[in-house]
Amino acid sequence: MEKELKTGTTTVGIVCKDGIVLGADMRSTAGNMIVSKQIRKIHKVTDEMAVTWAGSVSDIQLLNKLLKAELKLKSLQAKRKISVKEAANLLGGLLYSNIRQLTMIPAIAHFILGGKDNESFHLYDLFPDGSVTEIEDYVSSGSGCVFAYGVLEVEYKKDMTTEQGVELASKAVRTALERDTGSGGGVFVITITDKGIKEIIEKKIINKLEE
């Protein structure tokens, strides 16, 4: 159980006046060993929605595949695009069922869901127990979230643009990289705007101790 592959993680989600910004580090761990410095913890689930990952990789990967499939099926059946709220509730149900299965290995999967629908832009925090919370400003998850929140609390502004949000998300994750041993490898940031999903930053930030 100690060697279970996990994304010792820092992820952030920020609500901006013209969209949503999601950011994450790029390290995965198994116990005290760094397994990868290039893992992507932000994934598209539709053309207008994406999620961040934190927790046990096996559970996260399976739930992500199920979510994408269920959203596509639901959209075909309803003959319309699925709202972000519907997607969040669907994922919340999957998380609720997942963590309550009898197993020797605890099911830990924490998602931040950001997206755009016909109403507006939305950001949701989906805790491993299946709870679903809509976020009006910002949220962070993972082992480095305490450090990220320190930056977000001070520097977030309600009317900030996605361009400013990208800078803030990058700074919040980079701050966690400096202090949280479970986070590292680099920073990956995306935006969700009226133009769709766009990758803004993908760069390695390697400390001298890791060289």
N, C-alpha and C. Protein backbone atom coordinates (compact mmCIF):
# COMPACT_ATOMS: atom_id res chain seq x y z
N MET A 1 0.83 -1.19 0.00
CA MET A 1 0.00 0.00 0.00
C MET A 1 0.87 1.26 0.00
N GLU A 2 2.03 1.17 0.67
CA GLU A 2 2.91 2.32 0.75
C GLU A 2 3.49 2.69 -0.61
N LYS A 3 3.57 1.68 -1.51
CA LYS A 3 4.17 1.93 -2.82
C LYS A 3 3.12 2.21 -3.89
N GLU A 4 1.89 2.39 -3.49
CA GLU A 4 0.84 2.72 -4.44
C GLU A 4 1.18 4.03 -5.14
N LEU A 5 1.04 4.03 -6.45
CA LEU A 5 1.38 5.22 -7.25
C LEU A 5 0.38 6.33 -6.97
N LYS A 6 0.90 7.47 -6.52
CA LYS A 6 0.04 8.60 -6.19
C LYS A 6 0.60 9.88 -6.81
N THR A 7 -0.30 10.82 -7.05
CA THR A 7 0.14 12.13 -7.50
C THR A 7 0.19 13.05 -6.29
N GLY A 8 1.30 12.94 -5.52
CA GLY A 8 1.55 13.91 -4.47
C GLY A 8 1.58 15.26 -5.16
N THR A 9 0.63 16.12 -4.90
CA THR A 9 0.18 17.06 -5.90
C THR A 9 -0.07 18.46 -5.38
N THR A 10 0.00 19.42 -6.30
CA THR A 10 -0.59 20.74 -6.09
C THR A 10 -1.39 21.09 -7.33
N THR A 11 -2.69 21.26 -7.18
CA THR A 11 -3.53 21.71 -8.28
C THR A 11 -4.31 22.94 -7.85
N VAL A 12 -4.62 23.82 -8.78
CA VAL A 12 -5.40 25.02 -8.47
C VAL A 12 -6.43 25.27 -9.56
N GLY A 13 -7.52 25.89 -9.17
CA GLY A 13 -8.53 26.34 -10.11
C GLY A 13 -8.91 27.77 -9.77
N ILE A 14 -9.01 28.63 -10.78
CA ILE A 14 -9.27 30.05 -10.55
C ILE A 14 -10.41 30.52 -11.47
N VAL A 15 -11.38 31.22 -10.89
CA VAL A 15 -12.47 31.81 -11.66
C VAL A 15 -12.06 33.22 -12.07
N CYS A 16 -12.09 33.50 -13.36
CA CYS A 16 -11.76 34.83 -13.89
C CYS A 16 -12.98 35.41 -14.59
N LYS A 17 -12.92 36.68 -14.89
CA LYS A 17 -14.10 37.32 -15.50
C LYS A 17 -14.35 36.84 -16.92
N ASP A 18 -13.32 36.29 -17.59
CA ASP A 18 -13.49 35.83 -18.96
C ASP A 18 -13.17 34.36 -19.13
N GLY A 19 -13.17 33.60 -18.01
CA GLY A 19 -12.92 32.18 -18.14
C GLY A 19 -12.43 31.52 -16.86
N ILE A 20 -11.93 30.32 -17.02
CA ILE A 20 -11.42 29.51 -15.91
C ILE A 20 -9.95 29.18 -16.17
N VAL A 21 -9.14 29.20 -15.12
CA VAL A 21 -7.73 28.81 -15.23
C VAL A 21 -7.50 27.60 -14.32
N LEU A 22 -6.86 26.56 -14.85
CA LEU A 22 -6.48 25.39 -14.07
C LEU A 22 -4.97 25.22 -14.13
N GLY A 23 -4.36 24.88 -13.00
CA GLY A 23 -2.91 24.69 -12.96
C GLY A 23 -2.54 23.50 -12.10
N ALA A 24 -1.39 22.88 -12.39
CA ALA A 24 -0.94 21.74 -11.60
C ALA A 24 0.55 21.54 -11.78
N ASP A 25 1.14 20.83 -10.81
CA ASP A 25 2.54 20.43 -10.96
C ASP A 25 2.61 19.18 -11.82
N MET A 26 3.79 18.58 -11.98
CA MET A 26 3.95 17.47 -12.92
C MET A 26 4.72 16.29 -12.32
N ARG A 27 4.58 16.07 -11.02
CA ARG A 27 5.30 14.97 -10.36
C ARG A 27 4.33 13.89 -9.89
N SER A 28 4.71 12.62 -10.06
CA SER A 28 3.99 11.50 -9.46
C SER A 28 4.97 10.72 -8.60
N THR A 29 4.45 10.16 -7.49
CA THR A 29 5.30 9.48 -6.53
C THR A 29 4.75 8.11 -6.16
N ALA A 30 5.63 7.25 -5.68
CA ALA A 30 5.27 5.96 -5.09
C ALA A 30 6.04 5.87 -3.78
N GLY A 31 5.38 6.16 -2.67
CA GLY A 31 6.10 6.26 -1.41
C GLY A 31 7.03 7.45 -1.44
N ASN A 32 8.31 7.20 -1.17
CA ASN A 32 9.30 8.28 -1.19
C ASN A 32 9.98 8.42 -2.54
N MET A 33 9.62 7.57 -3.51
CA MET A 33 10.27 7.61 -4.81
C MET A 33 9.50 8.47 -5.80
N ILE A 34 10.21 9.31 -6.54
CA ILE A 34 9.62 10.10 -7.62
C ILE A 34 9.55 9.22 -8.85
N VAL A 35 8.35 8.89 -9.29
CA VAL A 35 8.16 8.00 -10.43
C VAL A 35 8.27 8.76 -11.75
N SER A 36 7.71 9.95 -11.79
CA SER A 36 7.73 10.74 -13.02
C SER A 36 7.75 12.22 -12.69
N LYS A 37 8.45 12.99 -13.53
CA LYS A 37 8.48 14.45 -13.40
C LYS A 37 7.72 15.12 -14.54
N GLN A 38 7.03 14.31 -15.35
CA GLN A 38 6.38 14.85 -16.55
C GLN A 38 4.93 14.41 -16.69
N ILE A 39 4.30 14.01 -15.60
CA ILE A 39 2.91 13.56 -15.68
C ILE A 39 1.97 14.76 -15.79
N ARG A 40 0.99 14.64 -16.67
CA ARG A 40 -0.01 15.71 -16.81
C ARG A 40 -1.18 15.43 -15.88
N LYS A 41 -1.49 16.42 -15.07
CA LYS A 41 -2.57 16.28 -14.10
C LYS A 41 -3.77 17.14 -14.43
N ILE A 42 -3.82 17.66 -15.67
CA ILE A 42 -4.99 18.38 -16.16
C ILE A 42 -5.39 17.74 -17.48
N HIS A 43 -6.65 17.29 -17.57
CA HIS A 43 -7.09 16.57 -18.76
C HIS A 43 -8.45 17.07 -19.24
N LYS A 44 -8.59 17.18 -20.55
CA LYS A 44 -9.87 17.53 -21.16
C LYS A 44 -10.84 16.37 -21.02
N VAL A 45 -12.08 16.67 -20.67
CA VAL A 45 -13.12 15.65 -20.67
C VAL A 45 -14.15 15.92 -21.77
N THR A 46 -14.24 17.18 -22.20
CA THR A 46 -14.99 17.57 -23.40
C THR A 46 -14.20 18.72 -24.04
N ASP A 47 -14.72 19.25 -25.12
CA ASP A 47 -14.05 20.37 -25.77
C ASP A 47 -14.10 21.65 -24.94
N GLU A 48 -14.96 21.68 -23.92
CA GLU A 48 -15.13 22.89 -23.11
C GLU A 48 -15.00 22.64 -21.61
N MET A 49 -14.56 21.45 -21.23
CA MET A 49 -14.39 21.12 -19.81
C MET A 49 -13.09 20.36 -19.60
N ALA A 50 -12.49 20.59 -18.43
CA ALA A 50 -11.26 19.88 -18.07
C ALA A 50 -11.23 19.66 -16.57
N VAL A 51 -10.44 18.66 -16.14
CA VAL A 51 -10.32 18.36 -14.72
C VAL A 51 -8.85 18.30 -14.31
N THR A 52 -8.59 18.63 -13.06
CA THR A 52 -7.27 18.41 -12.47
C THR A 52 -7.32 17.13 -11.65
N TRP A 53 -6.14 16.50 -11.51
CA TRP A 53 -6.04 15.24 -10.78
C TRP A 53 -5.27 15.39 -9.49
N ALA A 54 -5.72 14.69 -8.43
CA ALA A 54 -4.95 14.55 -7.19
C ALA A 54 -5.41 13.26 -6.52
N GLY A 55 -4.45 12.42 -6.11
CA GLY A 55 -4.81 11.18 -5.45
C GLY A 55 -4.12 9.97 -6.05
N SER A 56 -4.78 8.81 -5.95
CA SER A 56 -4.24 7.56 -6.46
C SER A 56 -4.44 7.49 -7.97
N VAL A 57 -3.36 7.30 -8.70
CA VAL A 57 -3.40 7.38 -10.15
C VAL A 57 -4.36 6.37 -10.77
N SER A 58 -4.39 5.13 -10.28
CA SER A 58 -5.25 4.11 -10.88
C SER A 58 -6.72 4.50 -10.79
N ASP A 59 -7.14 4.98 -9.62
CA ASP A 59 -8.53 5.41 -9.46
C ASP A 59 -8.84 6.61 -10.35
N ILE A 60 -7.93 7.55 -10.38
CA ILE A 60 -8.13 8.77 -11.17
C ILE A 60 -8.25 8.46 -12.66
N GLN A 61 -7.35 7.63 -13.17
CA GLN A 61 -7.38 7.30 -14.60
C GLN A 61 -8.67 6.61 -14.99
N LEU A 62 -9.11 5.66 -14.15
CA LEU A 62 -10.36 4.94 -14.45
C LEU A 62 -11.55 5.88 -14.40
N LEU A 63 -11.64 6.69 -13.35
CA LEU A 63 -12.76 7.62 -13.22
C LEU A 63 -12.77 8.64 -14.35
N ASN A 64 -11.60 9.08 -14.79
CA ASN A 64 -11.52 10.04 -15.89
C ASN A 64 -12.06 9.42 -17.19
N LYS A 65 -11.69 8.15 -17.44
CA LYS A 65 -12.20 7.46 -18.64
C LYS A 65 -13.71 7.27 -18.56
N LEU A 66 -14.20 6.90 -17.39
CA LEU A 66 -15.64 6.72 -17.22
C LEU A 66 -16.39 8.03 -17.41
N LEU A 67 -15.84 9.11 -16.87
CA LEU A 67 -16.48 10.42 -17.00
C LEU A 67 -16.58 10.83 -18.46
N LYS A 68 -15.49 10.71 -19.20
CA LYS A 68 -15.49 11.10 -20.61
C LYS A 68 -16.52 10.28 -21.40
N ALA A 69 -16.56 8.97 -21.13
CA ALA A 69 -17.50 8.10 -21.84
C ALA A 69 -18.95 8.44 -21.49
N GLU A 70 -19.22 8.65 -20.20
CA GLU A 70 -20.57 8.94 -19.76
C GLU A 70 -21.06 10.29 -20.28
N LEU A 71 -20.17 11.26 -20.33
CA LEU A 71 -20.54 12.58 -20.85
C LEU A 71 -20.87 12.52 -22.33
N LYS A 72 -20.08 11.76 -23.07
CA LYS A 72 -20.34 11.61 -24.51
C LYS A 72 -21.67 10.90 -24.74
N LEU A 73 -21.92 9.83 -23.96
CA LEU A 73 -23.17 9.09 -24.09
C LEU A 73 -24.36 9.95 -23.70
N LYS A 74 -24.23 10.68 -22.62
CA LYS A 74 -25.32 11.53 -22.14
C LYS A 74 -25.63 12.63 -23.15
N SER A 75 -24.60 13.17 -23.78
CA SER A 75 -24.79 14.21 -24.78
C SER A 75 -25.51 13.67 -26.01
N LEU A 76 -25.16 12.46 -26.42
CA LEU A 76 -25.81 11.83 -27.59
C LEU A 76 -27.28 11.53 -27.28
N GLN A 77 -27.54 11.06 -26.07
CA GLN A 77 -28.93 10.72 -25.69
C GLN A 77 -29.79 11.97 -25.57
N ALA A 78 -29.22 13.04 -25.00
CA ALA A 78 -29.98 14.27 -24.80
C ALA A 78 -29.99 15.16 -26.05
N LYS A 79 -29.10 14.86 -27.01
CA LYS A 79 -28.97 15.63 -28.25
C LYS A 79 -28.66 17.11 -27.97
N ARG A 80 -27.78 17.31 -26.98
CA ARG A 80 -27.34 18.65 -26.63
C ARG A 80 -26.04 18.57 -25.84
N LYS A 81 -25.41 19.72 -25.66
CA LYS A 81 -24.20 19.74 -24.84
C LYS A 81 -24.58 19.62 -23.37
N ILE A 82 -23.78 18.91 -22.63
CA ILE A 82 -24.03 18.73 -21.20
C ILE A 82 -23.49 19.93 -20.42
N SER A 83 -24.25 20.40 -19.45
CA SER A 83 -23.81 21.54 -18.66
C SER A 83 -22.69 21.13 -17.71
N VAL A 84 -21.96 22.14 -17.24
CA VAL A 84 -20.87 21.86 -16.30
C VAL A 84 -21.43 21.29 -15.00
N LYS A 85 -22.58 21.79 -14.56
CA LYS A 85 -23.20 21.29 -13.34
C LYS A 85 -23.57 19.82 -13.48
N GLU A 86 -24.10 19.43 -14.63
CA GLU A 86 -24.44 18.03 -14.86
C GLU A 86 -23.19 17.16 -14.83
N ALA A 87 -22.13 17.66 -15.44
CA ALA A 87 -20.86 16.91 -15.45
C ALA A 87 -20.32 16.75 -14.04
N ALA A 88 -20.41 17.82 -13.24
CA ALA A 88 -19.92 17.78 -11.86
C ALA A 88 -20.72 16.78 -11.03
N ASN A 89 -22.03 16.78 -11.19
CA ASN A 89 -22.87 15.84 -10.43
C ASN A 89 -22.61 14.40 -10.86
N LEU A 90 -22.36 14.19 -12.15
CA LEU A 90 -22.04 12.85 -12.64
C LEU A 90 -20.73 12.35 -12.04
N LEU A 91 -19.72 13.21 -12.05
CA LEU A 91 -18.43 12.84 -11.48
C LEU A 91 -18.54 12.63 -9.97
N GLY A 92 -19.34 13.44 -9.31
CA GLY A 92 -19.56 13.28 -7.88
C GLY A 92 -20.16 11.92 -7.55
N GLY A 93 -21.09 11.47 -8.39
CA GLY A 93 -21.69 10.15 -8.20
C GLY A 93 -20.68 9.03 -8.39
N LEU A 94 -19.80 9.18 -9.37
CA LEU A 94 -18.75 8.18 -9.61
C LEU A 94 -17.80 8.11 -8.41
N LEU A 95 -17.44 9.28 -7.88
CA LEU A 95 -16.54 9.33 -6.72
C LEU A 95 -17.20 8.69 -5.49
N TYR A 96 -18.46 8.98 -5.29
CA TYR A 96 -19.19 8.43 -4.14
C TYR A 96 -19.21 6.90 -4.20
N SER A 97 -19.49 6.36 -5.38
CA SER A 97 -19.53 4.91 -5.54
C SER A 97 -18.14 4.30 -5.39
N ASN A 98 -17.13 5.01 -5.91
CA ASN A 98 -15.77 4.48 -5.92
C ASN A 98 -15.19 4.33 -4.51
N ILE A 99 -15.38 5.34 -3.68
CA ILE A 99 -14.75 5.32 -2.35
C ILE A 99 -15.46 4.36 -1.40
N ARG A 100 -16.69 3.94 -1.72
CA ARG A 100 -17.44 3.05 -0.85
C ARG A 100 -17.36 1.59 -1.24
N GLN A 101 -16.54 1.27 -2.21
CA GLN A 101 -16.32 -0.13 -2.57
C GLN A 101 -15.40 -0.79 -1.54
N LEU A 102 -15.69 -2.06 -1.22
CA LEU A 102 -14.84 -2.81 -0.30
C LEU A 102 -13.53 -3.16 -0.99
N THR A 103 -12.42 -2.67 -0.44
CA THR A 103 -11.13 -2.91 -1.06
C THR A 103 -10.02 -2.78 -0.02
N MET A 104 -8.89 -3.44 -0.28
CA MET A 104 -7.74 -3.36 0.61
C MET A 104 -6.99 -2.03 0.46
N ILE A 105 -7.18 -1.38 -0.69
CA ILE A 105 -6.48 -0.13 -0.98
C ILE A 105 -7.49 1.01 -0.99
N PRO A 106 -7.32 2.02 -0.15
CA PRO A 106 -8.26 3.15 -0.13
C PRO A 106 -8.35 3.85 -1.48
N ALA A 107 -9.56 4.19 -1.88
CA ALA A 107 -9.78 4.89 -3.15
C ALA A 107 -9.74 6.40 -2.90
N ILE A 108 -8.66 7.04 -3.31
CA ILE A 108 -8.52 8.48 -3.09
C ILE A 108 -8.40 9.17 -4.44
N ALA A 109 -9.38 9.97 -4.78
CA ALA A 109 -9.36 10.70 -6.04
C ALA A 109 -10.05 12.05 -5.85
N HIS A 110 -9.30 13.12 -6.04
CA HIS A 110 -9.81 14.47 -5.84
C HIS A 110 -9.71 15.21 -7.18
N PHE A 111 -10.82 15.74 -7.64
CA PHE A 111 -10.85 16.45 -8.92
C PHE A 111 -11.28 17.91 -8.73
N ILE A 112 -10.75 18.76 -9.58
CA ILE A 112 -11.28 20.12 -9.76
C ILE A 112 -11.77 20.18 -11.20
N LEU A 113 -13.03 20.49 -11.38
CA LEU A 113 -13.64 20.53 -12.71
C LEU A 113 -13.92 21.97 -13.11
N GLY A 114 -13.41 22.37 -14.26
CA GLY A 114 -13.68 23.70 -14.79
C GLY A 114 -14.26 23.58 -16.19
N GLY A 115 -15.16 24.50 -16.53
CA GLY A 115 -15.73 24.41 -17.86
C GLY A 115 -16.64 25.56 -18.21
N LYS A 116 -17.10 25.52 -19.46
CA LYS A 116 -18.00 26.53 -20.01
C LYS A 116 -19.23 25.83 -20.57
N ASP A 117 -20.41 26.41 -20.35
CA ASP A 117 -21.62 25.90 -20.97
C ASP A 117 -22.46 27.08 -21.45
N ASN A 118 -23.71 26.84 -21.78
CA ASN A 118 -24.55 27.90 -22.31
C ASN A 118 -24.82 29.01 -21.30
N GLU A 119 -24.69 28.69 -20.01
CA GLU A 119 -24.95 29.68 -18.97
C GLU A 119 -23.76 30.60 -18.74
N SER A 120 -22.61 29.99 -18.45
CA SER A 120 -21.44 30.78 -18.10
C SER A 120 -20.24 29.85 -17.91
N PHE A 121 -19.23 30.36 -17.21
CA PHE A 121 -18.08 29.56 -16.80
C PHE A 121 -18.31 29.08 -15.38
N HIS A 122 -17.86 27.84 -15.10
CA HIS A 122 -18.09 27.27 -13.78
C HIS A 122 -16.85 26.52 -13.30
N LEU A 123 -16.69 26.49 -11.96
CA LEU A 123 -15.59 25.76 -11.34
C LEU A 123 -16.15 24.97 -10.17
N TYR A 124 -15.82 23.66 -10.13
CA TYR A 124 -16.32 22.79 -9.07
C TYR A 124 -15.18 22.04 -8.39
N ASP A 125 -15.32 21.89 -7.08
CA ASP A 125 -14.40 21.08 -6.29
C ASP A 125 -15.10 19.77 -5.97
N LEU A 126 -14.48 18.65 -6.37
CA LEU A 126 -15.08 17.33 -6.16
C LEU A 126 -14.19 16.52 -5.24
N PHE A 127 -14.62 16.41 -4.00
CA PHE A 127 -13.83 15.75 -2.97
C PHE A 127 -13.92 14.24 -3.13
N PRO A 128 -12.94 13.48 -2.61
CA PRO A 128 -12.95 12.03 -2.76
C PRO A 128 -14.20 11.34 -2.23
N ASP A 129 -14.93 11.97 -1.28
CA ASP A 129 -16.14 11.34 -0.74
C ASP A 129 -17.36 11.53 -1.64
N GLY A 130 -17.18 12.24 -2.75
CA GLY A 130 -18.28 12.45 -3.69
C GLY A 130 -18.99 13.77 -3.54
N SER A 131 -18.60 14.57 -2.57
CA SER A 131 -19.23 15.88 -2.39
C SER A 131 -18.86 16.82 -3.54
N VAL A 132 -19.84 17.64 -3.92
CA VAL A 132 -19.68 18.56 -5.06
C VAL A 132 -19.91 19.98 -4.57
N THR A 133 -18.92 20.85 -4.77
CA THR A 133 -19.03 22.24 -4.32
C THR A 133 -18.69 23.18 -5.46
N GLU A 134 -19.61 24.09 -5.79
CA GLU A 134 -19.28 25.09 -6.81
C GLU A 134 -18.44 26.19 -6.17
N ILE A 135 -17.38 26.57 -6.86
CA ILE A 135 -16.42 27.55 -6.36
C ILE A 135 -16.62 28.88 -7.08
N GLU A 136 -16.68 29.96 -6.32
CA GLU A 136 -16.90 31.27 -6.91
C GLU A 136 -15.61 32.05 -7.14
N ASP A 137 -14.51 31.63 -6.54
CA ASP A 137 -13.27 32.38 -6.69
C ASP A 137 -12.08 31.47 -7.02
N TYR A 138 -11.62 30.67 -6.08
CA TYR A 138 -10.46 29.82 -6.33
C TYR A 138 -10.50 28.61 -5.40
N VAL A 139 -9.75 27.58 -5.78
CA VAL A 139 -9.67 26.36 -4.99
C VAL A 139 -8.34 25.69 -5.27
N SER A 140 -7.86 24.91 -4.30
CA SER A 140 -6.62 24.15 -4.50
C SER A 140 -6.78 22.78 -3.86
N SER A 141 -6.07 21.79 -4.38
CA SER A 141 -6.12 20.45 -3.82
C SER A 141 -4.74 19.83 -3.83
N GLY A 142 -4.59 18.71 -3.12
CA GLY A 142 -3.33 18.00 -3.10
C GLY A 142 -2.47 18.34 -1.91
N SER A 143 -1.33 17.68 -1.83
CA SER A 143 -0.44 17.82 -0.67
C SER A 143 0.16 19.21 -0.54
N GLY A 144 0.22 19.96 -1.64
CA GLY A 144 0.81 21.30 -1.59
C GLY A 144 -0.21 22.42 -1.53
N CYS A 145 -1.49 22.08 -1.30
CA CYS A 145 -2.56 23.09 -1.37
C CYS A 145 -2.42 24.17 -0.31
N VAL A 146 -1.87 23.83 0.86
CA VAL A 146 -1.71 24.83 1.92
C VAL A 146 -0.81 25.98 1.45
N PHE A 147 0.26 25.64 0.75
CA PHE A 147 1.17 26.66 0.25
C PHE A 147 0.53 27.46 -0.89
N ALA A 148 -0.20 26.76 -1.76
CA ALA A 148 -0.88 27.44 -2.86
C ALA A 148 -1.94 28.41 -2.35
N TYR A 149 -2.68 27.99 -1.32
CA TYR A 149 -3.72 28.86 -0.76
C TYR A 149 -3.12 30.14 -0.18
N GLY A 150 -1.90 30.05 0.35
CA GLY A 150 -1.25 31.25 0.89
C GLY A 150 -1.08 32.32 -0.17
N VAL A 151 -0.79 31.90 -1.40
CA VAL A 151 -0.63 32.83 -2.51
C VAL A 151 -2.00 33.29 -3.02
N LEU A 152 -2.92 32.35 -3.18
CA LEU A 152 -4.25 32.68 -3.71
C LEU A 152 -5.01 33.64 -2.81
N GLU A 153 -4.93 33.42 -1.51
CA GLU A 153 -5.64 34.29 -0.55
C GLU A 153 -5.20 35.74 -0.66
N VAL A 154 -3.92 35.95 -0.89
CA VAL A 154 -3.37 37.31 -0.91
C VAL A 154 -3.54 37.98 -2.26
N GLU A 155 -3.39 37.24 -3.34
CA GLU A 155 -3.27 37.87 -4.65
C GLU A 155 -4.49 37.73 -5.58
N TYR A 156 -5.47 36.91 -5.20
CA TYR A 156 -6.64 36.77 -6.06
C TYR A 156 -7.49 38.03 -6.08
N LYS A 157 -7.96 38.40 -7.26
CA LYS A 157 -8.88 39.54 -7.43
C LYS A 157 -10.08 39.06 -8.22
N LYS A 158 -11.25 39.45 -7.78
CA LYS A 158 -12.49 38.93 -8.35
C LYS A 158 -12.63 39.24 -9.84
N ASP A 159 -12.16 40.39 -10.29
CA ASP A 159 -12.35 40.79 -11.68
C ASP A 159 -11.11 40.54 -12.53
N MET A 160 -10.24 39.64 -12.11
CA MET A 160 -9.01 39.41 -12.85
C MET A 160 -9.29 38.68 -14.17
N THR A 161 -8.43 38.92 -15.15
CA THR A 161 -8.55 38.28 -16.45
C THR A 161 -7.88 36.91 -16.42
N THR A 162 -8.13 36.11 -17.44
CA THR A 162 -7.48 34.79 -17.50
C THR A 162 -5.96 34.95 -17.66
N GLU A 163 -5.54 36.02 -18.31
CA GLU A 163 -4.11 36.27 -18.44
C GLU A 163 -3.48 36.47 -17.05
N GLN A 164 -4.16 37.24 -16.21
CA GLN A 164 -3.69 37.42 -14.84
C GLN A 164 -3.83 36.13 -14.04
N GLY A 165 -4.89 35.39 -14.34
CA GLY A 165 -5.13 34.11 -13.66
C GLY A 165 -4.04 33.10 -13.95
N VAL A 166 -3.53 33.11 -15.17
CA VAL A 166 -2.43 32.21 -15.54
C VAL A 166 -1.20 32.51 -14.70
N GLU A 167 -0.88 33.79 -14.55
CA GLU A 167 0.27 34.19 -13.75
C GLU A 167 0.08 33.78 -12.29
N LEU A 168 -1.13 33.95 -11.77
CA LEU A 168 -1.41 33.60 -10.38
C LEU A 168 -1.35 32.10 -10.16
N ALA A 169 -1.94 31.33 -11.07
CA ALA A 169 -1.91 29.87 -10.95
C ALA A 169 -0.49 29.34 -10.98
N SER A 170 0.31 29.89 -11.90
CA SER A 170 1.71 29.49 -12.01
C SER A 170 2.47 29.80 -10.72
N LYS A 171 2.23 30.99 -10.17
CA LYS A 171 2.93 31.40 -8.95
C LYS A 171 2.52 30.53 -7.76
N ALA A 172 1.21 30.20 -7.67
CA ALA A 172 0.71 29.38 -6.57
C ALA A 172 1.33 27.98 -6.61
N VAL A 173 1.39 27.39 -7.80
CA VAL A 173 1.97 26.05 -7.93
C VAL A 173 3.47 26.08 -7.67
N ARG A 174 4.13 27.10 -8.21
CA ARG A 174 5.59 27.20 -8.02
C ARG A 174 5.95 27.38 -6.54
N THR A 175 5.10 28.10 -5.80
CA THR A 175 5.33 28.26 -4.37
C THR A 175 5.25 26.92 -3.65
N ALA A 176 4.27 26.10 -4.03
CA ALA A 176 4.14 24.77 -3.43
C ALA A 176 5.33 23.89 -3.78
N LEU A 177 5.86 24.04 -5.00
CA LEU A 177 7.01 23.25 -5.42
C LEU A 177 8.22 23.49 -4.51
N GLU A 178 8.31 24.69 -3.97
CA GLU A 178 9.44 25.05 -3.13
C GLU A 178 9.40 24.39 -1.76
N ARG A 179 8.18 24.01 -1.29
CA ARG A 179 8.04 23.53 0.08
C ARG A 179 7.43 22.13 0.21
N ASP A 180 6.68 21.69 -0.78
CA ASP A 180 6.00 20.40 -0.69
C ASP A 180 6.79 19.34 -1.44
N THR A 181 7.23 18.29 -0.74
CA THR A 181 8.03 17.25 -1.38
C THR A 181 7.23 16.39 -2.35
N GLY A 182 5.90 16.39 -2.20
CA GLY A 182 5.07 15.61 -3.11
C GLY A 182 4.80 16.30 -4.42
N SER A 183 5.14 17.59 -4.53
CA SER A 183 4.90 18.36 -5.75
C SER A 183 6.23 18.71 -6.40
N GLY A 184 6.26 18.78 -7.71
CA GLY A 184 7.51 19.13 -8.38
C GLY A 184 7.46 18.86 -9.87
N GLY A 185 8.63 18.84 -10.49
CA GLY A 185 8.74 18.48 -11.90
C GLY A 185 8.50 19.62 -12.86
N GLY A 186 7.48 20.41 -12.62
CA GLY A 186 7.17 21.50 -13.54
C GLY A 186 5.78 22.05 -13.29
N VAL A 187 5.36 22.96 -14.13
CA VAL A 187 4.06 23.61 -13.99
C VAL A 187 3.31 23.50 -15.32
N PHE A 188 2.04 23.13 -15.24
CA PHE A 188 1.20 23.02 -16.43
C PHE A 188 -0.07 23.81 -16.17
N VAL A 189 -0.37 24.80 -17.00
CA VAL A 189 -1.53 25.67 -16.82
C VAL A 189 -2.36 25.73 -18.10
N ILE A 190 -3.67 25.67 -17.97
CA ILE A 190 -4.55 25.83 -19.13
C ILE A 190 -5.62 26.88 -18.83
N THR A 191 -6.21 27.41 -19.89
CA THR A 191 -7.35 28.32 -19.75
C THR A 191 -8.55 27.74 -20.48
N ILE A 192 -9.74 28.03 -19.95
CA ILE A 192 -11.00 27.68 -20.60
C ILE A 192 -11.74 28.98 -20.83
N THR A 193 -11.86 29.38 -22.07
CA THR A 193 -12.51 30.64 -22.43
C THR A 193 -13.53 30.41 -23.53
N ASP A 194 -14.08 31.51 -24.07
CA ASP A 194 -15.02 31.39 -25.19
C ASP A 194 -14.36 30.76 -26.42
N LYS A 195 -13.04 30.79 -26.47
CA LYS A 195 -12.30 30.20 -27.59
C LYS A 195 -11.97 28.73 -27.37
N GLY A 196 -12.40 28.17 -26.23
CA GLY A 196 -12.14 26.78 -25.94
C GLY A 196 -11.04 26.60 -24.91
N ILE A 197 -10.42 25.42 -24.94
CA ILE A 197 -9.36 25.09 -24.00
C ILE A 197 -8.00 25.31 -24.65
N LYS A 198 -7.14 26.02 -23.94
CA LYS A 198 -5.83 26.33 -24.48
C LYS A 198 -4.75 26.09 -23.44
N GLU A 199 -3.67 25.43 -23.86
CA GLU A 199 -2.52 25.23 -22.98
C GLU A 199 -1.68 26.50 -23.01
N ILE A 200 -1.44 27.06 -21.84
CA ILE A 200 -0.71 28.32 -21.75
C ILE A 200 0.74 28.12 -21.34
N ILE A 201 0.95 27.29 -20.32
CA ILE A 201 2.31 27.09 -19.82
C ILE A 201 2.58 25.61 -19.67
N GLU A 202 3.74 25.20 -20.12
CA GLU A 202 4.21 23.85 -19.83
C GLU A 202 5.73 23.94 -19.78
N LYS A 203 6.26 24.00 -18.59
CA LYS A 203 7.70 24.13 -18.48
C LYS A 203 8.20 23.43 -17.24
N LYS A 204 9.43 22.98 -17.26
CA LYS A 204 10.02 22.33 -16.10
C LYS A 204 10.62 23.38 -15.18
N ILE A 205 10.37 23.19 -13.90
CA ILE A 205 10.98 24.04 -12.89
C ILE A 205 11.71 23.10 -11.95
N ILE A 206 12.94 22.79 -12.27
CA ILE A 206 13.70 21.81 -11.52
C ILE A 206 14.60 22.50 -10.52
N ASN A 207 14.46 22.13 -9.26
CA ASN A 207 15.34 22.67 -8.23
C ASN A 207 16.73 22.09 -8.37
N LYS A 208 17.75 22.79 -7.90
CA LYS A 208 19.12 22.31 -7.99
C LYS A 208 19.30 20.98 -7.25
N LEU A 209 18.50 20.75 -6.22
CA LEU A 209 18.60 19.50 -5.48
C LEU A 209 18.15 18.31 -6.32
N GLU A 210 17.35 18.56 -7.36
CA GLU A 210 16.84 17.48 -8.20
C GLU A 210 17.75 17.24 -9.41
N GLU A 211 18.69 18.12 -9.67
CA GLU A 211 19.53 18.00 -10.86
C GLU A 211 20.55 16.88 -10.68
